[in-house]
């Protein structure tokens, strides 16, 4: 969560990224629901270190599903290089 919101400097709902044309308004529209749900998420018992509770939380699982749909939609919109980054270079499943 910190890496996403803080390290990417998107706490302003991608305002800077859209202004600089790093993200298109169409791309932002695709991730908007996921981004908003993620920003509102509160871990069970407000314990951000209880991984098991978070990973089993229906609210978290819903957010993950929104992310999967957004990623698939972006894959169809992006060029070959960006799609490669999204699907291969950022494939966290290979680190399990």
C-alpha atoms as a PDB file:
ATOM      1  CA  UNK A   1       0.000   0.000   0.000  1.00  0.00           C
ATOM      2  CA  UNK A   2       2.755   2.447   0.935  1.00  0.00           C
ATOM      3  CA  UNK A   3       4.703   1.623  -2.206  1.00  0.00           C
ATOM      4  CA  UNK A   4       1.670   2.221  -4.362  1.00  0.00           C
ATOM      5  CA  UNK A   5       0.414   5.461  -2.834  1.00  0.00           C
ATOM      6  CA  UNK A   6       3.612   7.041  -1.517  1.00  0.00           C
ATOM      7  CA  UNK A   7       6.430   5.801  -3.733  1.00  0.00           C
ATOM      8  CA  UNK A   8       4.482   6.395  -6.931  1.00  0.00           C
ATOM      9  CA  UNK A   9       3.289   9.822  -5.743  1.00  0.00           C
ATOM     10  CA  UNK A  10      -0.294   9.150  -6.717  1.00  0.00           C
ATOM     11  CA  UNK A  11      -1.944  10.428  -3.579  1.00  0.00           C
ATOM     12  CA  UNK A  12      -3.621  13.073  -5.755  1.00  0.00           C
ATOM     13  CA  UNK A  13      -5.528  10.493  -7.831  1.00  0.00           C
ATOM     14  CA  UNK A  14      -2.957  10.540 -10.640  1.00  0.00           C
ATOM     15  CA  UNK A  15      -3.315  14.290 -11.229  1.00  0.00           C
ATOM     16  CA  UNK A  16       0.399  14.812 -11.922  1.00  0.00           C
ATOM     17  CA  UNK A  17       0.703  11.643 -14.009  1.00  0.00           C
ATOM     18  CA  UNK A  18      -2.224  12.661 -16.220  1.00  0.00           C
ATOM     19  CA  UNK A  19      -0.965  16.250 -16.563  1.00  0.00           C
ATOM     20  CA  UNK A  20       2.453  14.944 -17.654  1.00  0.00           C
ATOM     21  CA  UNK A  21       0.798  12.419 -19.995  1.00  0.00           C
ATOM     22  CA  UNK A  22       2.377   9.466 -18.232  1.00  0.00           C
ATOM     23  CA  UNK A  23      -1.151   8.094 -17.781  1.00  0.00           C
ATOM     24  CA  UNK A  24      -4.007   8.768 -20.174  1.00  0.00           C
ATOM     25  CA  UNK A  25      -7.471   9.655 -18.994  1.00  0.00           C
ATOM     26  CA  UNK A  26      -8.694   6.361 -20.523  1.00  0.00           C
ATOM     27  CA  UNK A  27      -6.123   4.394 -18.516  1.00  0.00           C
ATOM     28  CA  UNK A  28      -7.109   6.260 -15.376  1.00  0.00           C
ATOM     29  CA  UNK A  29     -10.761   5.443 -15.988  1.00  0.00           C
ATOM     30  CA  UNK A  30      -9.861   1.737 -16.146  1.00  0.00           C
ATOM     31  CA  UNK A  31      -8.161   1.726 -12.730  1.00  0.00           C
ATOM     32  CA  UNK A  32     -10.353   4.313 -11.020  1.00  0.00           C
ATOM     33  CA  UNK A  33     -12.648   1.903  -9.139  1.00  0.00           C
ATOM     34  CA  UNK A  34      -9.709  -0.258  -8.038  1.00  0.00           C
ATOM     35  CA  UNK A  35      -7.680   2.776  -6.946  1.00  0.00           C
ATOM     36  CA  UNK A  36     -10.575   4.239  -4.953  1.00  0.00           C
ATOM     37  CA  UNK A  37     -11.389   0.915  -3.281  1.00  0.00           C
ATOM     38  CA  UNK A  38      -7.746   0.466  -2.377  1.00  0.00           C
ATOM     39  CA  UNK A  39      -7.516   3.952  -0.894  1.00  0.00           C
ATOM     40  CA  UNK A  40     -10.579   3.299   1.311  1.00  0.00           C
ATOM     41  CA  UNK A  41      -9.472  -0.144   2.485  1.00  0.00           C
ATOM     42  CA  UNK A  42      -9.111  -0.679   6.220  1.00  0.00           C
ATOM     43  CA  UNK A  43      -7.484  -3.891   7.361  1.00  0.00           C
ATOM     44  CA  UNK A  44      -9.420  -6.092   9.800  1.00  0.00           C
ATOM     45  CA  UNK A  45      -9.107  -4.694  13.337  1.00  0.00           C
ATOM     46  CA  UNK A  46      -6.945  -1.937  11.790  1.00  0.00           C
ATOM     47  CA  UNK A  47      -3.997  -4.320  11.990  1.00  0.00           C
ATOM     48  CA  UNK A  48      -1.980  -3.815   8.808  1.00  0.00           C
ATOM     49  CA  UNK A  49       0.472  -6.497   9.944  1.00  0.00           C
ATOM     50  CA  UNK A  50      -2.062  -9.321  10.229  1.00  0.00           C
ATOM     51  CA  UNK A  51      -1.383 -10.783   6.798  1.00  0.00           C
ATOM     52  CA  UNK A  52      -3.642 -13.796   7.260  1.00  0.00           C
ATOM     53  CA  UNK A  53      -6.669 -11.696   8.188  1.00  0.00           C
ATOM     54  CA  UNK A  54      -6.086  -9.328   5.290  1.00  0.00           C
ATOM     55  CA  UNK A  55      -5.618 -12.112   2.742  1.00  0.00           C
ATOM     56  CA  UNK A  56      -8.851 -13.742   3.922  1.00  0.00           C
ATOM     57  CA  UNK A  57     -10.826 -10.506   4.167  1.00  0.00           C
ATOM     58  CA  UNK A  58     -13.723 -10.485   1.661  1.00  0.00           C
ATOM     59  CA  UNK A  59     -13.232  -6.735   1.188  1.00  0.00           C
ATOM     60  CA  UNK A  60      -9.572  -7.283   0.282  1.00  0.00           C
ATOM     61  CA  UNK A  61     -10.466 -10.136  -2.067  1.00  0.00           C
ATOM     62  CA  UNK A  62     -12.951  -7.841  -3.803  1.00  0.00           C
ATOM     63  CA  UNK A  63     -10.220  -5.241  -4.311  1.00  0.00           C
ATOM     64  CA  UNK A  64      -7.896  -7.898  -5.709  1.00  0.00           C
ATOM     65  CA  UNK A  65     -10.601  -8.919  -8.184  1.00  0.00           C
ATOM     66  CA  UNK A  66     -11.058  -5.293  -9.270  1.00  0.00           C
ATOM     67  CA  UNK A  67      -7.301  -5.162  -9.851  1.00  0.00           C
ATOM     68  CA  UNK A  68      -7.338  -8.318 -11.956  1.00  0.00           C
ATOM     69  CA  UNK A  69     -10.092  -6.886 -14.161  1.00  0.00           C
ATOM     70  CA  UNK A  70      -8.268  -3.547 -14.476  1.00  0.00           C
ATOM     71  CA  UNK A  71      -5.015  -5.285 -15.408  1.00  0.00           C
ATOM     72  CA  UNK A  72      -6.751  -7.341 -18.111  1.00  0.00           C
ATOM     73  CA  UNK A  73      -8.443  -4.253 -19.505  1.00  0.00           C
ATOM     74  CA  UNK A  74      -5.190  -2.281 -19.514  1.00  0.00           C
ATOM     75  CA  UNK A  75      -3.454  -5.156 -21.280  1.00  0.00           C
ATOM     76  CA  UNK A  76      -5.886  -4.749 -24.177  1.00  0.00           C
ATOM     77  CA  UNK A  77      -5.311  -0.977 -24.323  1.00  0.00           C
ATOM     78  CA  UNK A  78      -1.539  -0.696 -24.000  1.00  0.00           C
ATOM     79  CA  UNK A  79       1.204  -1.058 -26.540  1.00  0.00           C
ATOM     80  CA  UNK A  80       3.476  -4.087 -26.676  1.00  0.00           C
ATOM     81  CA  UNK A  81       6.238  -2.697 -24.426  1.00  0.00           C
ATOM     82  CA  UNK A  82       3.838  -1.503 -21.731  1.00  0.00           C
ATOM     83  CA  UNK A  83       1.905  -4.769 -21.858  1.00  0.00           C
ATOM     84  CA  UNK A  84       5.180  -6.649 -21.390  1.00  0.00           C
ATOM     85  CA  UNK A  85       5.990  -4.593 -18.297  1.00  0.00           C
ATOM     86  CA  UNK A  86       2.495  -5.106 -16.884  1.00  0.00           C
ATOM     87  CA  UNK A  87       2.309  -8.840 -17.521  1.00  0.00           C
ATOM     88  CA  UNK A  88       5.887 -10.074 -17.288  1.00  0.00           C
ATOM     89  CA  UNK A  89       8.130  -7.617 -15.507  1.00  0.00           C
ATOM     90  CA  UNK A  90       5.547  -7.089 -12.771  1.00  0.00           C
ATOM     91  CA  UNK A  91       4.588 -10.715 -12.292  1.00  0.00           C
ATOM     92  CA  UNK A  92       4.686 -11.171  -8.529  1.00  0.00           C
ATOM     93  CA  UNK A  93       3.475 -14.750  -8.800  1.00  0.00           C
ATOM     94  CA  UNK A  94       6.946 -15.839  -9.907  1.00  0.00           C
ATOM     95  CA  UNK A  95       8.325 -14.742  -6.510  1.00  0.00           C
ATOM     96  CA  UNK A  96       6.128 -17.053  -4.433  1.00  0.00           C
END
